[in-house]
Amino acid sequence: MKVAVFGAGSWGTGLASVFAANGHETVLWARNPKIAAEIRHVHTNQRYLPGASLPAALDSTDSMDAAAAGAGLVVVCVPSSSIGAVIHDIALRVPRGALIAHAVKGFDRATRQRVSEVIAREVPDAESRLCVIAGPSHAEEVVAQMPTTIVCAAYCRQTAEAVQDALMNQYMRVYTNPDVVGAELGGTLKNIIALAVGVADGLGFGDNAKAALITRGLTEISRLGVRMGASLLTFAGLSGIGDVFVTCTSRHSRNFRTGRLIGQGKRLEEALAEVGMAVEGVPTTQTTVELAREYNVEMPITEKLAGILFEHMDPAKAVRELMSRARNHEIEEIAVSDIAPAWKIDF
């Protein structure tokens, strides 16, 4: 089938390369005409994946109409900062009956909605055709065809399995999951923890501190996720601990690198300029603090990180305050319904 991938950043390009390598007619939409021309004629994307070779069969265009025409699967992979406007433009062009997947790891900042909610708002009757692509997957390794495992979450089993089949090959293993909310939140909120771990690294702290932030950070993700309707089990899977681990420990992680620069003393604006690409954890932190208050969920790591990012709080002071919080139990009481909610899905 024809696959239209919207967004020629690193992950959009990585996913498009997999679809093309699997024999699908794949068109990658790039907002920048120069990037589209480079991908089409030179088979590289030096801006986002320097040194990587892309499949010769991968086509690219800066025309949304040309990308979407005749597509059986539309994949959205743009920065969350522009998701509202871009989804609206894409929705006008989605072919009737086409499957719609997204791999955006962030919220719509204006509405605090998950991206699947934005898509459902813009595309009539999209829910049964909607899929979330998530999991531990750096684009640099995917285009190099290194072993990678991800998850496709959908309300409809048939939709999840169709996207699974389109992506599966000898280096890309794909699982399905009915928990759309959990897959989205795991893939989004992990960027907050990666920023925090990066700050700790920049401060010169060791593995003990990083392990604590990863573990307690996953607890915060689970708390908010369950309250928003996700299954606790999802956060023990690929889009939970898998994505948290890879984003908090990899040299490819923009969020970790940004946090490390801040821990070393740079202001947020300086760190973002040095990284030079979208750092989804920054707007996500702001939105998540608001959601935590709305859902009455305790998220101390997220709150301290927000203080560092937006209120010029001294990172070392934030760590001292986290370490001096009142004593607490590690294991929280969890209802069985939180582990596996009774979803109304075709799974």
Protein backbone atom coordinates (compact mmCIF):
# COMPACT_ATOMS: atom_id res chain seq x y z
CA MET A 1 0.00 0.00 0.00
CA LYS A 2 1.00 3.63 -0.22
CA VAL A 3 2.23 5.13 3.05
CA ALA A 4 2.35 8.90 3.60
CA VAL A 5 4.60 10.02 6.46
CA PHE A 6 4.18 13.62 7.55
CA GLY A 7 7.27 15.06 9.21
CA ALA A 8 10.84 14.65 7.95
CA GLY A 9 12.58 14.98 11.30
CA SER A 10 14.73 12.13 12.56
CA TRP A 11 11.93 9.79 13.66
CA GLY A 12 9.64 10.53 10.72
CA THR A 13 12.53 9.80 8.38
CA GLY A 14 13.38 6.65 10.33
CA LEU A 15 9.86 5.28 10.13
CA ALA A 16 9.56 6.18 6.45
CA SER A 17 12.78 4.28 5.75
CA VAL A 18 11.28 1.15 7.33
CA PHE A 19 8.08 1.35 5.29
CA ALA A 20 10.09 1.89 2.10
CA ALA A 21 12.48 -0.95 2.91
CA ASN A 22 9.46 -3.22 3.39
CA GLY A 23 8.33 -2.56 -0.17
CA HIS A 24 5.55 -0.04 0.48
CA GLU A 25 5.24 2.97 -1.81
CA THR A 26 6.34 5.55 0.74
CA VAL A 27 6.26 9.34 0.47
CA LEU A 28 7.77 11.50 3.20
CA TRP A 29 6.41 15.02 3.53
CA ALA A 30 8.94 17.69 4.52
CA ARG A 31 7.94 21.25 5.25
CA ASN A 32 11.33 22.40 3.93
CA PRO A 33 11.59 21.98 0.11
CA LYS A 34 15.39 21.62 0.32
CA ILE A 35 15.11 18.66 2.70
CA ALA A 36 12.46 17.07 0.49
CA ALA A 37 14.71 17.44 -2.56
CA GLU A 38 17.71 16.01 -0.70
CA ILE A 39 15.77 12.94 0.42
CA ARG A 40 14.35 12.38 -3.06
CA HIS A 41 17.53 12.84 -5.09
CA VAL A 42 20.46 12.19 -2.74
CA HIS A 43 18.75 9.72 -0.34
CA THR A 44 20.06 11.46 2.78
CA ASN A 45 18.68 13.80 5.44
CA GLN A 46 21.82 15.47 6.77
CA ARG A 47 19.89 17.95 8.89
CA TYR A 48 18.29 15.30 11.10
CA LEU A 49 20.21 12.07 10.39
CA PRO A 50 23.72 13.06 9.36
CA GLY A 51 25.69 10.29 7.69
CA ALA A 52 22.71 7.96 7.24
CA SER A 53 21.79 6.46 3.87
CA LEU A 54 18.07 6.22 3.11
CA PRO A 55 16.36 3.67 0.82
CA ALA A 56 16.45 4.68 -2.83
CA ALA A 57 12.75 3.79 -3.05
CA LEU A 58 11.83 6.45 -0.45
CA ASP A 59 10.20 9.44 -2.12
CA SER A 60 9.77 12.89 -0.59
CA THR A 61 7.79 16.03 -1.29
CA ASP A 62 6.92 19.37 0.27
CA SER A 63 3.34 19.06 -1.03
CA MET A 64 0.78 17.71 1.44
CA ASP A 65 -1.60 16.94 -1.40
CA ALA A 66 0.97 14.86 -3.27
CA ALA A 67 1.99 12.99 -0.11
CA ALA A 68 -1.54 12.08 0.94
CA ALA A 69 -3.05 11.22 -2.45
CA GLY A 70 -4.03 7.56 -2.56
CA ALA A 71 -2.44 6.66 0.78
CA GLY A 72 -3.76 3.63 2.64
CA LEU A 73 -1.82 4.64 5.76
CA VAL A 74 -1.11 8.17 6.94
CA VAL A 75 1.56 8.55 9.63
CA VAL A 76 1.94 11.80 11.57
CA CYS A 77 5.38 12.47 13.01
CA VAL A 78 5.77 16.21 13.57
CA PRO A 79 6.82 18.15 16.69
CA SER A 80 4.02 18.49 19.23
CA SER A 81 4.47 22.27 19.18
CA SER A 82 2.81 22.41 15.75
CA ILE A 83 0.44 19.48 16.09
CA GLY A 84 -2.86 21.39 16.14
CA ALA A 85 -2.32 23.26 12.87
CA VAL A 86 -0.61 20.38 11.08
CA ILE A 87 -3.29 17.83 12.02
CA HIS A 88 -5.95 20.20 10.73
CA ASP A 89 -4.15 20.49 7.39
CA ILE A 90 -3.54 16.74 7.16
CA ALA A 91 -7.15 15.94 8.10
CA LEU A 92 -8.37 17.79 5.02
CA ARG A 93 -6.31 15.42 2.86
CA VAL A 94 -6.66 12.00 4.53
CA PRO A 95 -8.14 9.61 1.94
CA ARG A 96 -11.45 8.06 2.88
CA GLY A 97 -10.92 4.87 4.88
CA ALA A 98 -7.16 5.31 5.29
CA LEU A 99 -5.54 4.18 8.52
CA ILE A 100 -4.04 6.97 10.62
CA ALA A 101 -1.02 6.42 12.87
CA HIS A 102 1.04 8.87 14.85
CA ALA A 103 4.44 8.73 16.51
CA VAL A 104 4.37 12.14 18.23
CA LYS A 105 5.72 12.14 21.78
CA GLY A 106 4.04 15.17 23.27
CA PHE A 107 0.77 16.94 23.99
CA ASP A 108 -1.11 19.63 22.11
CA ARG A 109 0.04 22.49 24.30
CA ALA A 110 -3.04 24.65 23.61
CA THR A 111 -5.59 22.05 24.74
CA ARG A 112 -3.46 19.61 26.83
CA GLN A 113 -4.95 16.84 24.70
CA ARG A 114 -3.12 13.69 23.67
CA VAL A 115 -2.33 13.61 19.95
CA SER A 116 -4.82 10.81 19.29
CA GLU A 117 -7.50 13.05 20.79
CA VAL A 118 -6.48 15.87 18.45
CA ILE A 119 -6.66 13.53 15.46
CA ALA A 120 -10.08 12.22 16.53
CA ARG A 121 -11.26 15.81 16.86
CA GLU A 122 -10.14 16.70 13.33
CA VAL A 123 -10.85 13.46 11.42
CA PRO A 124 -14.47 12.24 11.54
CA ASP A 125 -14.91 8.61 12.65
CA ALA A 126 -11.15 8.17 13.05
CA GLU A 127 -11.13 6.17 16.29
CA SER A 128 -11.34 2.70 14.76
CA ARG A 129 -8.63 3.60 12.19
CA LEU A 130 -6.25 5.21 14.67
CA CYS A 131 -2.94 3.75 15.87
CA VAL A 132 -0.14 4.99 18.15
CA ILE A 133 3.45 3.98 17.38
CA ALA A 134 5.62 4.03 20.51
CA GLY A 135 8.50 2.30 22.23
CA PRO A 136 12.30 2.51 22.59
CA SER A 137 13.47 3.51 19.15
CA HIS A 138 16.20 5.96 18.21
CA ALA A 139 15.97 6.83 14.53
CA GLU A 140 19.77 6.71 14.14
CA GLU A 141 19.71 2.99 14.93
CA VAL A 142 16.57 2.25 12.91
CA VAL A 143 17.99 3.66 9.66
CA ALA A 144 21.14 1.62 10.32
CA GLN A 145 18.83 -1.43 10.54
CA MET A 146 19.84 -2.29 14.09
CA PRO A 147 17.42 -4.55 16.04
CA THR A 148 14.53 -2.47 17.42
CA THR A 149 11.27 -3.38 19.11
CA ILE A 150 8.24 -1.08 19.25
CA VAL A 151 4.52 -1.24 19.98
CA CYS A 152 1.42 -0.33 17.95
CA ALA A 153 -1.51 0.62 20.20
CA ALA A 154 -5.01 0.90 18.78
CA TYR A 155 -8.63 0.63 19.85
CA CYS A 156 -9.25 -1.82 17.01
CA ARG A 157 -7.17 -5.01 16.73
CA GLN A 158 -7.39 -5.00 12.93
CA THR A 159 -5.88 -1.50 12.79
CA ALA A 160 -3.06 -2.37 15.17
CA GLU A 161 -2.20 -5.52 13.23
CA ALA A 162 -2.27 -3.72 9.86
CA VAL A 163 0.31 -1.19 11.05
CA GLN A 164 2.25 -3.99 12.75
CA ASP A 165 2.44 -5.90 9.45
CA ALA A 166 3.52 -2.79 7.55
CA LEU A 167 6.47 -2.23 9.90
CA MET A 168 7.63 -5.76 10.77
CA ASN A 169 10.86 -7.06 9.26
CA GLN A 170 14.09 -8.76 10.28
CA TYR A 171 15.32 -5.77 12.31
CA MET A 172 12.00 -4.24 13.42
CA ARG A 173 9.85 -6.34 15.75
CA VAL A 174 6.42 -4.89 16.52
CA TYR A 175 3.93 -5.82 19.24
CA THR A 176 0.30 -4.69 19.53
CA ASN A 177 -1.44 -3.25 22.58
CA PRO A 178 -5.03 -2.09 23.16
CA ASP A 179 -3.98 0.65 25.62
CA VAL A 180 -3.81 3.77 23.45
CA VAL A 181 -3.75 6.12 26.44
CA GLY A 182 -0.91 4.27 28.15
CA ALA A 183 1.21 4.00 25.01
CA GLU A 184 0.87 7.71 24.32
CA LEU A 185 1.54 8.80 27.88
CA GLY A 186 4.51 6.49 28.34
CA GLY A 187 6.12 7.76 25.15
CA THR A 188 5.41 11.37 26.09
CA LEU A 189 6.17 11.56 29.80
CA LYS A 190 9.47 9.67 29.58
CA ASN A 191 11.03 12.81 28.09
CA ILE A 192 10.52 14.58 31.41
CA ILE A 193 12.51 11.93 33.24
CA ALA A 194 15.24 12.01 30.58
CA LEU A 195 15.62 15.75 31.15
CA ALA A 196 15.87 15.17 34.91
CA VAL A 197 18.46 12.40 34.50
CA GLY A 198 20.43 14.67 32.19
CA VAL A 199 20.41 17.43 34.81
CA ALA A 200 21.74 14.93 37.36
CA ASP A 201 24.50 13.91 34.97
CA GLY A 202 25.40 17.54 34.34
CA LEU A 203 25.66 18.11 38.09
CA GLY A 204 28.19 15.29 38.26
CA PHE A 205 25.97 12.82 40.11
CA GLY A 206 26.51 9.08 39.65
CA ASP A 207 24.52 6.03 38.70
CA ASN A 208 22.72 5.87 42.05
CA ALA A 209 21.02 9.21 41.44
CA LYS A 210 20.15 8.33 37.86
CA ALA A 211 18.66 4.98 38.85
CA ALA A 212 16.58 6.71 41.52
CA LEU A 213 15.26 9.28 39.04
CA ILE A 214 14.41 6.62 36.46
CA THR A 215 12.63 4.41 38.99
CA ARG A 216 10.74 7.11 40.83
CA GLY A 217 10.09 8.89 37.55
CA LEU A 218 8.38 5.79 36.21
CA THR A 219 6.25 5.82 39.36
CA GLU A 220 5.15 9.37 38.55
CA ILE A 221 4.35 8.41 34.97
CA SER A 222 2.29 5.46 36.20
CA ARG A 223 0.39 7.54 38.74
CA LEU A 224 -0.76 10.08 36.20
CA GLY A 225 -1.28 7.50 33.47
CA VAL A 226 -3.57 5.30 35.57
CA ARG A 227 -5.56 8.34 36.67
CA MET A 228 -6.02 9.30 33.01
CA GLY A 229 -7.28 5.83 32.07
CA ALA A 230 -4.17 3.82 31.18
CA SER A 231 -3.29 0.32 32.32
CA LEU A 232 -0.47 0.02 34.84
CA LEU A 233 0.83 -2.97 32.88
CA THR A 234 1.58 -0.79 29.86
CA PHE A 235 4.17 1.14 31.85
CA ALA A 236 6.04 -2.11 32.47
CA GLY A 237 6.29 -2.60 28.70
CA LEU A 238 7.94 -1.10 25.65
CA SER A 239 6.27 2.30 25.79
CA GLY A 240 6.89 2.48 29.55
CA ILE A 241 10.13 1.23 31.05
CA GLY A 242 11.52 0.47 27.58
CA ASP A 243 11.14 4.02 26.34
CA VAL A 244 12.20 5.52 29.68
CA PHE A 245 15.39 3.46 29.72
CA VAL A 246 16.50 4.26 26.18
CA THR A 247 15.74 7.98 26.46
CA CYS A 248 17.46 8.37 29.82
CA THR A 249 20.65 6.50 28.90
CA SER A 250 21.39 7.06 25.22
CA ARG A 251 23.80 9.49 23.59
CA HIS A 252 21.11 9.97 20.90
CA SER A 253 18.62 11.43 23.39
CA ARG A 254 18.01 15.14 22.88
CA ASN A 255 16.19 15.39 26.19
CA PHE A 256 19.07 13.85 28.14
CA ARG A 257 21.58 16.12 26.36
CA THR A 258 19.48 19.20 27.06
CA GLY A 259 19.16 18.31 30.74
CA ARG A 260 22.90 17.69 31.01
CA LEU A 261 23.67 21.11 29.55
CA ILE A 262 21.32 22.72 32.08
CA GLY A 263 22.96 20.76 34.89
CA GLN A 264 26.30 22.11 33.69
CA GLY A 265 25.03 25.66 34.14
CA LYS A 266 23.51 26.68 30.80
CA ARG A 267 20.18 28.45 30.63
CA LEU A 268 17.31 26.61 28.94
CA GLU A 269 17.49 28.80 25.84
CA GLU A 270 21.22 28.16 25.48
CA ALA A 271 20.79 24.42 25.89
CA LEU A 272 18.00 24.26 23.29
CA ALA A 273 20.06 26.29 20.83
CA GLU A 274 23.03 23.95 21.26
CA VAL A 275 20.92 20.81 20.73
CA GLY A 276 19.36 22.44 17.67
CA MET A 277 16.28 20.21 17.32
CA ALA A 278 12.90 19.83 19.00
CA VAL A 279 13.21 18.80 22.65
CA GLU A 280 9.74 17.48 23.42
CA GLY A 281 10.31 17.17 27.16
CA VAL A 282 10.34 20.93 27.66
CA PRO A 283 6.73 21.74 26.67
CA THR A 284 5.67 18.34 28.01
CA THR A 285 6.93 19.26 31.48
CA GLN A 286 4.81 22.40 31.50
CA THR A 287 1.68 20.56 30.36
CA THR A 288 2.23 17.67 32.76
CA VAL A 289 2.48 19.93 35.81
CA GLU A 290 -0.93 21.32 34.83
CA LEU A 291 -2.38 17.83 34.28
CA ALA A 292 -1.00 16.62 37.62
CA ARG A 293 -2.83 19.43 39.38
CA GLU A 294 -6.00 18.76 37.39
CA TYR A 295 -5.95 15.04 38.29
CA ASN A 296 -4.64 15.63 41.82
CA VAL A 297 -1.55 13.48 41.25
CA GLU A 298 1.72 13.94 43.14
CA MET A 299 4.68 14.34 40.75
CA PRO A 300 7.59 15.87 42.71
CA ILE A 301 10.32 15.18 40.12
CA THR A 302 8.24 16.78 37.39
CA GLU A 303 7.45 19.79 39.57
CA LYS A 304 11.11 20.38 40.48
CA LEU A 305 12.14 20.03 36.85
CA ALA A 306 9.53 22.64 35.90
CA GLY A 307 11.08 24.94 38.51
CA ILE A 308 14.52 24.44 36.95
CA LEU A 309 13.29 24.96 33.38
CA PHE A 310 10.86 27.83 33.80
CA GLU A 311 11.54 29.51 37.15
CA HIS A 312 15.36 29.58 37.15
CA MET A 313 15.53 27.28 40.16
CA ASP A 314 19.03 26.14 41.04
CA PRO A 315 19.29 22.44 40.01
CA ALA A 316 21.34 21.53 43.09
CA LYS A 317 18.71 23.14 45.33
CA ALA A 318 15.97 21.15 43.53
CA VAL A 319 17.85 17.92 44.26
CA ARG A 320 18.27 18.82 47.94
CA GLU A 321 14.55 19.50 48.25
CA LEU A 322 13.68 16.19 46.57
CA MET A 323 16.01 14.30 48.90
CA SER A 324 14.63 15.99 52.03
CA ARG A 325 10.95 15.26 51.36
CA ALA A 326 8.96 13.57 54.14
CA ARG A 327 9.45 9.82 54.50
CA ASN A 328 7.14 7.61 52.47
CA HIS A 329 6.35 4.03 51.40
CA GLU A 330 7.72 2.79 48.09
CA ILE A 331 4.84 0.49 47.13
CA GLU A 332 1.53 2.25 46.72
CA GLU A 333 -1.87 0.67 47.04
CA ILE A 334 -3.14 -0.14 43.57
CA ALA A 335 -6.59 -1.33 42.61
CA VAL A 336 -6.94 -4.31 40.28
CA SER A 337 -8.92 -2.08 37.93
CA ASP A 338 -5.83 0.14 37.59
CA ILE A 339 -3.77 -2.76 36.32
CA ALA A 340 -6.10 -3.67 33.46
CA PRO A 341 -9.02 -1.28 32.93
CA ALA A 342 -12.11 -2.65 31.25
CA TRP A 343 -11.52 -0.99 27.88
CA LYS A 344 -14.36 -0.85 25.38
CA ILE A 345 -12.32 -1.94 22.40
CA ASP A 346 -12.27 -4.42 19.55
CA PHE A 347 -9.36 -6.46 20.99
